[in-house]
Amino acid sequence: MSAQVELSPRELEIAQSYAGGATYQKIAETLCIAPSTVRTHLATIYRKLEVSSKQELATRLSGEVPEPRNQSEMTAVISELALSLEEAISREKALSEVLRIIGAAKGNLDAVMPLILGHALELCDAEYGILFEYGQNGKFHATFTLGIPSDFKTWFEDKGWFAVSPETGLGRMDAQREVINIFDVKSEAIYKTNDPLRHATADLGGARSFVAIPMLAADDLVGAFALYRQTVRPFSDDATRLAQLFAAQSVIALENARMIKTMQDAKA
């Protein structure tokens, strides 16, 4: 039986989009549904077509009939999809909570940013976090921190706006505009140099594993969302995706605050 016959029109639409390279988020936006709903449909599609990967799905949609799977293989596939669905639901709950925090703060960054950082630290299992602002002169400023060791915080306060070298996590993130996930800050060659940021991060902050997420408004870098662990425990892909969510919502909070301030200044 062909995939077109086995799937409902909605399932077929989702299957073709996903096999064609569309992300859960893109499919959700196109169909005006939640990403978790996309995952639920995909779980049903995978079960109906007896596939376990995007590549197998594309092959099945092309008309090829796969080799029969035994029950244990299908059980493993279904279990993996169930776990993925739970992760998607957790991310949606996190997003809803962050949006609630932003809405309740009414543009008050001093109120909203510690709450966002606190939520991120809890869900991503990190010891402390920093929201760096990025200036037009290519410098960074540790504007909001939570849980940061006092000596490391004092170091940032003394620095104010500071430049970073290209080999640091922030420097690489600035150049690449991509997530920088560092396994161990002490294992990289830059730690053996006299780079002040890396030494402060490791020696004053006690950081070992670190992830920096670029905060982008359109294509412009406006800051960085950074999380730190004080043991060598690299951030997983799931933790990184959550950190990206918090970074994106922090951009929204910053933009909201600026818009509200502009309106207030206009009324003054």
C-alpha atoms as a PDB file:
ATOM      1  CA  MET A   1       0.000   0.000   0.000  1.00  0.00           C
ATOM      2  CA  SER A   2       1.371   3.453  -0.886  1.00  0.00           C
ATOM      3  CA  ALA A   3       2.167   6.125   1.691  1.00  0.00           C
ATOM      4  CA  GLN A   4      -0.425   8.405   0.084  1.00  0.00           C
ATOM      5  CA  VAL A   5      -3.161   5.839   0.788  1.00  0.00           C
ATOM      6  CA  GLU A   6      -2.036   5.066   4.346  1.00  0.00           C
ATOM      7  CA  LEU A   7      -1.801   8.703   5.504  1.00  0.00           C
ATOM      8  CA  SER A   8      -4.514  11.297   5.961  1.00  0.00           C
ATOM      9  CA  PRO A   9      -4.213  14.492   3.855  1.00  0.00           C
ATOM     10  CA  ARG A  10      -2.817  16.403   6.872  1.00  0.00           C
ATOM     11  CA  GLU A  11      -0.375  13.617   7.730  1.00  0.00           C
ATOM     12  CA  LEU A  12       0.782  13.440   4.125  1.00  0.00           C
ATOM     13  CA  GLU A  13       1.331  17.205   4.052  1.00  0.00           C
ATOM     14  CA  ILE A  14       3.416  17.083   7.228  1.00  0.00           C
ATOM     15  CA  ALA A  15       5.338  14.006   6.077  1.00  0.00           C
ATOM     16  CA  GLN A  16       6.255  15.576   2.735  1.00  0.00           C
ATOM     17  CA  SER A  17       7.304  18.854   4.375  1.00  0.00           C
ATOM     18  CA  TYR A  18       9.431  17.109   6.987  1.00  0.00           C
ATOM     19  CA  ALA A  19      11.039  14.735   4.500  1.00  0.00           C
ATOM     20  CA  GLY A  20      11.753  17.758   2.297  1.00  0.00           C
ATOM     21  CA  GLY A  21      13.805  19.414   5.019  1.00  0.00           C
ATOM     22  CA  ALA A  22      11.303  21.638   6.852  1.00  0.00           C
ATOM     23  CA  THR A  23      11.745  21.919  10.631  1.00  0.00           C
ATOM     24  CA  TYR A  24       9.027  21.265  13.194  1.00  0.00           C
ATOM     25  CA  GLN A  25       8.813  25.006  13.816  1.00  0.00           C
ATOM     26  CA  LYS A  26       8.483  25.848  10.121  1.00  0.00           C
ATOM     27  CA  ILE A  27       5.782  23.233   9.591  1.00  0.00           C
ATOM     28  CA  ALA A  28       3.960  24.475  12.686  1.00  0.00           C
ATOM     29  CA  GLU A  29       4.041  28.073  11.443  1.00  0.00           C
ATOM     30  CA  THR A  30       2.815  27.083   7.971  1.00  0.00           C
ATOM     31  CA  LEU A  31      -0.075  25.006   9.288  1.00  0.00           C
ATOM     32  CA  CYS A  32      -0.864  27.253  12.286  1.00  0.00           C
ATOM     33  CA  ILE A  33      -0.382  24.451  14.804  1.00  0.00           C
ATOM     34  CA  ALA A  34       1.986  23.855  17.729  1.00  0.00           C
ATOM     35  CA  PRO A  35       5.389  22.166  17.213  1.00  0.00           C
ATOM     36  CA  SER A  36       4.317  19.435  19.642  1.00  0.00           C
ATOM     37  CA  THR A  37       1.327  18.748  17.383  1.00  0.00           C
ATOM     38  CA  VAL A  38       3.724  18.315  14.465  1.00  0.00           C
ATOM     39  CA  ARG A  39       5.662  15.777  16.509  1.00  0.00           C
ATOM     40  CA  THR A  40       2.451  13.944  17.417  1.00  0.00           C
ATOM     41  CA  HIS A  41       1.553  13.687  13.725  1.00  0.00           C
ATOM     42  CA  LEU A  42       5.062  12.475  12.896  1.00  0.00           C
ATOM     43  CA  ALA A  43       4.852   9.794  15.575  1.00  0.00           C
ATOM     44  CA  THR A  44       1.670   8.525  13.911  1.00  0.00           C
ATOM     45  CA  ILE A  45       3.250   8.794  10.451  1.00  0.00           C
ATOM     46  CA  TYR A  46       6.346   6.859  11.516  1.00  0.00           C
ATOM     47  CA  ARG A  47       4.173   4.152  13.070  1.00  0.00           C
ATOM     48  CA  LYS A  48       1.898   3.852  10.019  1.00  0.00           C
ATOM     49  CA  LEU A  49       4.764   3.748   7.524  1.00  0.00           C
ATOM     50  CA  GLU A  50       7.080   1.734   9.803  1.00  0.00           C
ATOM     51  CA  VAL A  51      10.014   4.113   9.387  1.00  0.00           C
ATOM     52  CA  SER A  52      12.434   5.460  11.995  1.00  0.00           C
ATOM     53  CA  SER A  53      14.258   8.348  10.319  1.00  0.00           C
ATOM     54  CA  LYS A  54      13.761  11.280   7.964  1.00  0.00           C
ATOM     55  CA  GLN A  55      15.745   9.458   5.269  1.00  0.00           C
ATOM     56  CA  GLU A  56      13.531   6.374   5.544  1.00  0.00           C
ATOM     57  CA  LEU A  57      10.465   8.588   5.437  1.00  0.00           C
ATOM     58  CA  ALA A  58      11.627  10.233   2.213  1.00  0.00           C
ATOM     59  CA  THR A  59      12.337   6.821   0.700  1.00  0.00           C
ATOM     60  CA  ARG A  60       8.900   5.537   1.703  1.00  0.00           C
ATOM     61  CA  LEU A  61       7.163   8.601   0.259  1.00  0.00           C
ATOM     62  CA  SER A  62       8.970   8.021  -3.022  1.00  0.00           C
ATOM     63  CA  GLY A  63       7.141   4.704  -3.351  1.00  0.00           C
ATOM     64  CA  GLU A  64       9.785   2.246  -2.198  1.00  0.00           C
ATOM     65  CA  VAL A  65       8.616  -0.485   0.195  1.00  0.00           C
ATOM     66  CA  PRO A  66      10.940  -1.055   3.172  1.00  0.00           C
ATOM     67  CA  GLU A  67      11.957  -4.382   4.642  1.00  0.00           C
ATOM     68  CA  PRO A  68       9.521  -5.512   7.377  1.00  0.00           C
ATOM     69  CA  ARG A  69      10.556  -4.566  10.921  1.00  0.00           C
ATOM     70  CA  ASN A  70      10.250  -6.817  13.918  1.00  0.00           C
ATOM     71  CA  GLN A  71       8.223  -5.799  16.954  1.00  0.00           C
ATOM     72  CA  SER A  72      11.227  -4.923  19.129  1.00  0.00           C
ATOM     73  CA  GLU A  73      12.532  -2.463  16.527  1.00  0.00           C
ATOM     74  CA  MET A  74       9.158  -0.766  16.243  1.00  0.00           C
ATOM     75  CA  THR A  75       8.840  -0.574  20.019  1.00  0.00           C
ATOM     76  CA  ALA A  76      12.230   1.173  20.195  1.00  0.00           C
ATOM     77  CA  VAL A  77      11.193   3.648  17.492  1.00  0.00           C
ATOM     78  CA  ILE A  78       7.927   4.466  19.227  1.00  0.00           C
ATOM     79  CA  SER A  79       9.695   4.913  22.583  1.00  0.00           C
ATOM     80  CA  GLU A  80      12.192   7.329  21.033  1.00  0.00           C
ATOM     81  CA  LEU A  81       9.401   9.348  19.436  1.00  0.00           C
ATOM     82  CA  ALA A  82       7.533   9.480  22.750  1.00  0.00           C
ATOM     83  CA  LEU A  83      10.626  10.880  24.478  1.00  0.00           C
ATOM     84  CA  SER A  84      11.068  13.458  21.712  1.00  0.00           C
ATOM     85  CA  LEU A  85       7.445  14.523  22.120  1.00  0.00           C
ATOM     86  CA  GLU A  86       7.941  14.992  25.866  1.00  0.00           C
ATOM     87  CA  GLU A  87      10.994  17.161  25.167  1.00  0.00           C
ATOM     88  CA  ALA A  88       9.007  19.297  22.713  1.00  0.00           C
ATOM     89  CA  ILE A  89       6.215  19.771  25.257  1.00  0.00           C
ATOM     90  CA  SER A  90       8.787  20.780  27.896  1.00  0.00           C
ATOM     91  CA  ARG A  91      10.221  23.397  25.530  1.00  0.00           C
ATOM     92  CA  GLU A  92       6.755  24.772  24.824  1.00  0.00           C
ATOM     93  CA  LYS A  93       6.042  25.024  28.549  1.00  0.00           C
ATOM     94  CA  ALA A  94       9.361  26.840  29.035  1.00  0.00           C
ATOM     95  CA  LEU A  95       8.519  29.247  26.220  1.00  0.00           C
ATOM     96  CA  SER A  96       5.075  29.939  27.678  1.00  0.00           C
ATOM     97  CA  GLU A  97       6.592  30.679  31.080  1.00  0.00           C
ATOM     98  CA  VAL A  98       9.216  33.036  29.637  1.00  0.00           C
ATOM     99  CA  LEU A  99       6.585  34.901  27.617  1.00  0.00           C
ATOM    100  CA  ARG A 100       4.489  35.214  30.790  1.00  0.00           C
ATOM    101  CA  ILE A 101       7.495  36.646  32.633  1.00  0.00           C
ATOM    102  CA  ILE A 102       8.153  39.170  29.865  1.00  0.00           C
ATOM    103  CA  GLY A 103       4.512  40.224  29.706  1.00  0.00           C
ATOM    104  CA  ALA A 104       4.227  40.695  33.468  1.00  0.00           C
ATOM    105  CA  ALA A 105       7.402  42.795  33.668  1.00  0.00           C
ATOM    106  CA  LYS A 106       6.020  45.521  31.354  1.00  0.00           C
ATOM    107  CA  GLY A 107       9.438  46.466  30.020  1.00  0.00           C
ATOM    108  CA  ASN A 108      11.247  46.439  33.370  1.00  0.00           C
ATOM    109  CA  LEU A 109      14.486  44.675  32.453  1.00  0.00           C
ATOM    110  CA  ASP A 110      15.744  44.686  36.038  1.00  0.00           C
ATOM    111  CA  ALA A 111      12.734  42.568  36.932  1.00  0.00           C
ATOM    112  CA  VAL A 112      12.504  40.320  33.891  1.00  0.00           C
ATOM    113  CA  MET A 113      16.118  39.350  33.177  1.00  0.00           C
ATOM    114  CA  PRO A 114      16.896  37.703  36.546  1.00  0.00           C
ATOM    115  CA  LEU A 115      13.712  35.660  36.151  1.00  0.00           C
ATOM    116  CA  ILE A 116      14.647  34.569  32.627  1.00  0.00           C
ATOM    117  CA  LEU A 117      18.174  33.697  33.755  1.00  0.00           C
ATOM    118  CA  GLY A 118      16.842  31.816  36.765  1.00  0.00           C
ATOM    119  CA  HIS A 119      14.469  29.790  34.604  1.00  0.00           C
ATOM    120  CA  ALA A 120      17.300  29.016  32.177  1.00  0.00           C
ATOM    121  CA  LEU A 121      19.677  27.907  34.928  1.00  0.00           C
ATOM    122  CA  GLU A 122      17.075  25.552  36.361  1.00  0.00           C
ATOM    123  CA  LEU A 123      16.029  23.935  33.077  1.00  0.00           C
ATOM    124  CA  CYS A 124      19.529  23.772  31.577  1.00  0.00           C
ATOM    125  CA  ASP A 125      21.140  22.631  34.852  1.00  0.00           C
ATOM    126  CA  ALA A 126      23.769  25.377  34.950  1.00  0.00           C
ATOM    127  CA  GLU A 127      25.395  27.032  37.967  1.00  0.00           C
ATOM    128  CA  TYR A 128      25.270  30.604  36.708  1.00  0.00           C
ATOM    129  CA  GLY A 129      24.372  32.711  33.714  1.00  0.00           C
ATOM    130  CA  ILE A 130      25.203  36.048  32.111  1.00  0.00           C
ATOM    131  CA  LEU A 131      23.383  38.180  29.588  1.00  0.00           C
ATOM    132  CA  PHE A 132      25.971  40.193  27.691  1.00  0.00           C
ATOM    133  CA  GLU A 133      25.031  43.280  25.720  1.00  0.00           C
ATOM    134  CA  TYR A 134      26.939  43.922  22.501  1.00  0.00           C
ATOM    135  CA  GLY A 135      27.970  47.441  21.533  1.00  0.00           C
ATOM    136  CA  GLN A 136      28.543  49.061  18.147  1.00  0.00           C
ATOM    137  CA  ASN A 137      32.258  49.216  18.888  1.00  0.00           C
ATOM    138  CA  GLY A 138      32.355  45.423  19.007  1.00  0.00           C
ATOM    139  CA  LYS A 139      32.622  45.266  22.784  1.00  0.00           C
ATOM    140  CA  PHE A 140      30.597  43.283  25.339  1.00  0.00           C
ATOM    141  CA  HIS A 141      29.100  44.230  28.689  1.00  0.00           C
ATOM    142  CA  ALA A 142      27.921  41.787  31.383  1.00  0.00           C
ATOM    143  CA  THR A 143      24.654  43.632  31.970  1.00  0.00           C
ATOM    144  CA  PHE A 144      22.677  40.950  33.805  1.00  0.00           C
ATOM    145  CA  THR A 145      24.084  38.086  35.860  1.00  0.00           C
ATOM    146  CA  LEU A 146      22.658  35.427  38.160  1.00  0.00           C
ATOM    147  CA  GLY A 147      24.475  33.025  40.449  1.00  0.00           C
ATOM    148  CA  ILE A 148      27.874  34.308  39.314  1.00  0.00           C
ATOM    149  CA  PRO A 149      30.789  33.989  41.787  1.00  0.00           C
ATOM    150  CA  SER A 150      31.464  37.340  43.448  1.00  0.00           C
ATOM    151  CA  ASP A 151      35.082  37.651  42.256  1.00  0.00           C
ATOM    152  CA  PHE A 152      34.024  37.035  38.657  1.00  0.00           C
ATOM    153  CA  LYS A 153      31.205  39.569  38.970  1.00  0.00           C
ATOM    154  CA  THR A 154      33.623  42.153  40.369  1.00  0.00           C
ATOM    155  CA  TRP A 155      35.951  41.502  37.430  1.00  0.00           C
ATOM    156  CA  PHE A 156      33.167  42.321  34.975  1.00  0.00           C
ATOM    157  CA  GLU A 157      32.147  45.416  36.948  1.00  0.00           C
ATOM    158  CA  ASP A 158      35.722  46.704  36.834  1.00  0.00           C
ATOM    159  CA  LYS A 159      35.963  46.034  33.082  1.00  0.00           C
ATOM    160  CA  GLY A 160      32.688  47.678  32.050  1.00  0.00           C
ATOM    161  CA  TRP A 161      32.590  47.400  28.250  1.00  0.00           C
ATOM    162  CA  PHE A 162      35.382  45.080  27.142  1.00  0.00           C
ATOM    163  CA  ALA A 163      36.815  43.702  23.910  1.00  0.00           C
ATOM    164  CA  VAL A 164      37.353  39.978  23.414  1.00  0.00           C
ATOM    165  CA  SER A 165      39.973  38.055  21.467  1.00  0.00           C
ATOM    166  CA  PRO A 166      38.843  35.946  18.482  1.00  0.00           C
ATOM    167  CA  GLU A 167      39.817  32.713  20.266  1.00  0.00           C
ATOM    168  CA  THR A 168      37.450  33.186  23.221  1.00  0.00           C
ATOM    169  CA  GLY A 169      33.960  31.739  23.237  1.00  0.00           C
ATOM    170  CA  LEU A 170      32.413  35.189  22.856  1.00  0.00           C
ATOM    171  CA  GLY A 171      34.901  36.087  20.128  1.00  0.00           C
ATOM    172  CA  ARG A 172      34.093  32.979  18.105  1.00  0.00           C
ATOM    173  CA  MET A 173      30.376  33.526  18.617  1.00  0.00           C
ATOM    174  CA  ASP A 174      30.753  37.133  17.415  1.00  0.00           C
ATOM    175  CA  ALA A 175      32.587  36.054  14.264  1.00  0.00           C
ATOM    176  CA  GLN A 176      30.390  33.083  13.410  1.00  0.00           C
ATOM    177  CA  ARG A 177      27.032  34.291  14.782  1.00  0.00           C
ATOM    178  CA  GLU A 178      26.525  30.698  15.917  1.00  0.00           C
ATOM    179  CA  VAL A 179      26.232  28.806  19.190  1.00  0.00           C
ATOM    180  CA  ILE A 180      29.617  28.129  20.791  1.00  0.00           C
ATOM    181  CA  ASN A 181      29.545  25.072  23.049  1.00  0.00           C
ATOM    182  CA  ILE A 182      32.841  24.579  24.910  1.00  0.00           C
ATOM    183  CA  PHE A 183      33.542  21.174  26.444  1.00  0.00           C
ATOM    184  CA  ASP A 184      36.126  22.427  28.949  1.00  0.00           C
ATOM    185  CA  VAL A 185      37.380  26.009  29.090  1.00  0.00           C
ATOM    186  CA  LYS A 186      40.665  24.851  30.634  1.00  0.00           C
ATOM    187  CA  SER A 187      41.420  22.322  27.907  1.00  0.00           C
ATOM    188  CA  GLU A 188      41.565  24.853  25.059  1.00  0.00           C
ATOM    189  CA  ALA A 189      44.869  26.359  23.972  1.00  0.00           C
ATOM    190  CA  ILE A 190      43.730  29.889  24.821  1.00  0.00           C
ATOM    191  CA  TYR A 191      43.778  29.005  28.531  1.00  0.00           C
ATOM    192  CA  LYS A 192      47.536  28.524  28.269  1.00  0.00           C
ATOM    193  CA  THR A 193      47.921  32.103  27.038  1.00  0.00           C
ATOM    194  CA  ASN A 194      47.438  35.271  29.032  1.00  0.00           C
ATOM    195  CA  ASP A 195      43.930  35.961  27.708  1.00  0.00           C
ATOM    196  CA  PRO A 196      42.217  37.857  30.544  1.00  0.00           C
ATOM    197  CA  LEU A 197      38.629  36.755  29.823  1.00  0.00           C
ATOM    198  CA  ARG A 198      39.478  33.064  29.645  1.00  0.00           C
ATOM    199  CA  HIS A 199      41.502  33.193  32.843  1.00  0.00           C
ATOM    200  CA  ALA A 200      38.774  35.142  34.637  1.00  0.00           C
ATOM    201  CA  THR A 201      36.161  32.665  33.413  1.00  0.00           C
ATOM    202  CA  ALA A 202      38.092  29.619  34.599  1.00  0.00           C
ATOM    203  CA  ASP A 203      39.911  30.934  37.656  1.00  0.00           C
ATOM    204  CA  LEU A 204      37.500  33.526  39.073  1.00  0.00           C
ATOM    205  CA  GLY A 205      34.269  32.021  37.754  1.00  0.00           C
ATOM    206  CA  GLY A 206      35.279  28.413  38.286  1.00  0.00           C
ATOM    207  CA  ALA A 207      33.694  27.602  34.923  1.00  0.00           C
ATOM    208  CA  ARG A 208      34.554  24.418  33.064  1.00  0.00           C
ATOM    209  CA  SER A 209      31.755  23.842  30.517  1.00  0.00           C
ATOM    210  CA  PHE A 210      30.229  26.855  28.772  1.00  0.00           C
ATOM    211  CA  VAL A 211      27.733  27.689  26.055  1.00  0.00           C
ATOM    212  CA  ALA A 212      27.303  31.092  24.376  1.00  0.00           C
ATOM    213  CA  ILE A 213      24.175  31.815  22.320  1.00  0.00           C
ATOM    214  CA  PRO A 214      24.102  34.820  19.966  1.00  0.00           C
ATOM    215  CA  MET A 215      21.185  37.178  20.554  1.00  0.00           C
ATOM    216  CA  LEU A 216      20.137  38.419  17.143  1.00  0.00           C
ATOM    217  CA  ALA A 217      17.644  41.109  16.149  1.00  0.00           C
ATOM    218  CA  ALA A 218      17.157  40.412  12.449  1.00  0.00           C
ATOM    219  CA  ASP A 219      20.793  39.937  11.385  1.00  0.00           C
ATOM    220  CA  ASP A 220      22.270  42.261  14.014  1.00  0.00           C
ATOM    221  CA  LEU A 221      24.051  40.918  17.075  1.00  0.00           C
ATOM    222  CA  VAL A 222      22.632  42.637  20.155  1.00  0.00           C
ATOM    223  CA  GLY A 223      24.103  40.431  22.830  1.00  0.00           C
ATOM    224  CA  ALA A 224      24.929  36.943  24.044  1.00  0.00           C
ATOM    225  CA  PHE A 225      23.198  34.571  26.406  1.00  0.00           C
ATOM    226  CA  ALA A 226      25.798  32.520  28.287  1.00  0.00           C
ATOM    227  CA  LEU A 227      25.437  29.608  30.696  1.00  0.00           C
ATOM    228  CA  TYR A 228      28.215  28.077  32.797  1.00  0.00           C
ATOM    229  CA  ARG A 229      28.807  24.793  34.601  1.00  0.00           C
ATOM    230  CA  GLN A 230      31.549  24.495  37.191  1.00  0.00           C
ATOM    231  CA  THR A 231      32.317  20.867  36.366  1.00  0.00           C
ATOM    232  CA  VAL A 232      33.199  19.329  33.021  1.00  0.00           C
ATOM    233  CA  ARG A 233      29.661  18.531  31.874  1.00  0.00           C
ATOM    234  CA  PRO A 234      29.187  19.718  28.292  1.00  0.00           C
ATOM    235  CA  PHE A 235      25.769  21.068  27.388  1.00  0.00           C
ATOM    236  CA  SER A 236      23.681  18.614  25.388  1.00  0.00           C
ATOM    237  CA  ASP A 237      21.859  19.496  22.186  1.00  0.00           C
ATOM    238  CA  ASP A 238      18.603  19.662  24.157  1.00  0.00           C
ATOM    239  CA  ALA A 239      20.094  22.050  26.720  1.00  0.00           C
ATOM    240  CA  THR A 240      21.529  24.171  23.916  1.00  0.00           C
ATOM    241  CA  ARG A 241      18.128  24.358  22.209  1.00  0.00           C
ATOM    242  CA  LEU A 242      16.595  25.527  25.490  1.00  0.00           C
ATOM    243  CA  ALA A 243      19.340  28.130  25.873  1.00  0.00           C
ATOM    244  CA  GLN A 244      18.585  29.365  22.349  1.00  0.00           C
ATOM    245  CA  LEU A 245      14.936  29.727  23.322  1.00  0.00           C
ATOM    246  CA  PHE A 246      15.867  31.849  26.334  1.00  0.00           C
ATOM    247  CA  ALA A 247      18.250  33.936  24.239  1.00  0.00           C
ATOM    248  CA  ALA A 248      15.549  34.625  21.653  1.00  0.00           C
ATOM    249  CA  GLN A 249      13.078  35.684  24.323  1.00  0.00           C
ATOM    250  CA  SER A 250      15.717  37.887  25.966  1.00  0.00           C
ATOM    251  CA  VAL A 251      15.981  39.766  22.666  1.00  0.00           C
ATOM    252  CA  ILE A 252      12.220  40.286  22.770  1.00  0.00           C
ATOM    253  CA  ALA A 253      12.479  41.607  26.327  1.00  0.00           C
ATOM    254  CA  LEU A 254      15.272  44.014  25.362  1.00  0.00           C
ATOM    255  CA  GLU A 255      13.338  45.280  22.336  1.00  0.00           C
ATOM    256  CA  ASN A 256      10.148  45.681  24.382  1.00  0.00           C
ATOM    257  CA  ALA A 257      12.005  47.665  27.026  1.00  0.00           C
ATOM    258  CA  ARG A 258      13.525  49.972  24.423  1.00  0.00           C
ATOM    259  CA  MET A 259      10.150  50.499  22.750  1.00  0.00           C
ATOM    260  CA  ILE A 260       8.458  51.314  26.049  1.00  0.00           C
ATOM    261  CA  LYS A 261      11.267  53.719  26.995  1.00  0.00           C
ATOM    262  CA  THR A 262      10.950  55.464  23.607  1.00  0.00           C
ATOM    263  CA  MET A 263       7.200  55.878  24.132  1.00  0.00           C
ATOM    264  CA  GLN A 264       7.695  57.173  27.648  1.00  0.00           C
ATOM    265  CA  ASP A 265      10.334  59.659  26.468  1.00  0.00           C
ATOM    266  CA  ALA A 266       7.989  60.878  23.751  1.00  0.00           C
ATOM    267  CA  LYS A 267       5.265  61.590  26.304  1.00  0.00           C
ATOM    268  CA  ALA A 268       7.646  63.425  28.643  1.00  0.00           C
END
